[in-house]
């Protein structure tokens, strides 16, 4: 039975009632103009005569596949300007063949190129069409000056220190970058681990187990730094070291015992007292009274078995034997012609005793027998002296600001230099690690030198000049780890500072309180492992401070 033409007329969206094709709307023109004409031509209805088959049925041209293809062509040609809702409704009503419609739509997109702009996130057809769009064209014109390598002026003050020879007045960007990398690696001692791009961290089973253990427990996972930080010093004020035996006279000497948790406090009240240091009670161990002998200076021996003491107007040297409990006076040293014996130093190895004499003399005595070994002389008046950490050298400063370095064994002068900017020298100190030498002057300036530079050069330059004091620096001491330098002046209240090394900056939180407590500092010292810091003032008090960075005494 031949197909009903009314069905074809109803199913075809582009047919009028009279059977003619409506004019298509919205077909794009441009680069795909020829293609559009072919699509429109293929969409034009062709009325062919249907030749019947031998069995009486319709011919192959009127089959269902041909009809469906014509319907798709009509919808594609006429549905470009229709709203999205209308197109979806037509697809639901009339059906849709995805394979044929995709082929036609791809053909249209290849022809139109960039003139068609659709949302590419809804279908795969648009994504495939975008891949067929021609790639970006090369630039029509290239500036050759952009390819020239720019040169950097190396004579600028910020880059002047990176010049290796006089001919390097300009460097390219690549060479300057390599030079900066070299400078950074030299300063860091190599490439740090965080700067290695290719470095990959490999986690082992043990490391994963450790991470699991960390998540199973609580606590303080942040440990203190091995080196002392600058700026703020974690410390607290403790009970005065001589709280059980306060003194009404000036404290002249404060020193910690080299091996026991004991501190010695001596003053002008003719007494030497020993206290147990615990930071809370500080109980007194014993006191030694020396009749008519105001103690000017008192020191432990290197092994801690003796205490040596001198007075202001006396040539007697008292030796207190702590093991036997005896006080031995040394009235006269054979060969020593001095009216008064005041300042002295004990070598770190415990072999020598150095007395500061008059007229620029320094006398070297045997610590064991208290006999004179030899004497050295400097120009001018002697101000202060100190042994090197290995006890092989003597650093002596004069009132004129000159520093002499003597060899202990040969007693020959190894070097001599003038403290920079010093008008009158008052004090000198040497670090225990053999790195620094500090010189204090009457103007309040403390120059910190490198010890090796002092031995080689006749005019060494200080590493840093500490100018936080304005009166004469009378006391100085390095802590055992050479991380703190304590400086003080006995000419002004609260004139005590703690200097951080190696940054050579003063800690901001010392003195701790705004209320005056330190007053005139006469002497100061650190405990053997830097856990405590003590100073004696003119009010008869030995102030004690606990440094939290150091865990031991």
Foldseek 3Di string as FASTA:
>chain_A
DEDDVVVLQVLAPQADPVGAGDDAPDQDDDQLNVVLVVLVVVLGDDDDDWDADPVRYTDPCPDPVNSVVSSLSRCVRRVPPPDPVVVVVSCVVNPDDVVVNLVSVLVSLLRVAPPDDDDPPPDVSVVVSVVVHDDDDDDPDDDVVVVDFDKDQQVDPVNVVLDPDPPPRIDTPVVVVVSVVVVVCVVVVHDDPVRDPPDDDDDDPVNVVVVVVVVVDDDDPDDFDPADDFAAFDKDWFPFLCPVPFDQFFWQDWEAQQPAQKIWTAFQQQKIWIWRDDRHPGHTDDMDGDPPATWNYWDAALNRQWIWTFGDQAQKIWIQGNVVRDIDIDRDAPPDDARGWHDWDAANVRFWIWTQGFQAKIWIAGSVPRHTDDMDGDHATWAEKDAALVRQWIWTAHQQQKIWIAGPPVRDTQAIEGDPPARTWHYWDAANVQFWIWTWHQQQKIFIQGNVQRRPDRYDDGPDIDRPAGGTWHEWDAANVRQWIWTFAQPFFQRIWIAGPPVRHTHPCPVPDPDGDATGWNYWYAHNQRQKIWTTHRRRTIIIMGRVSTDDD
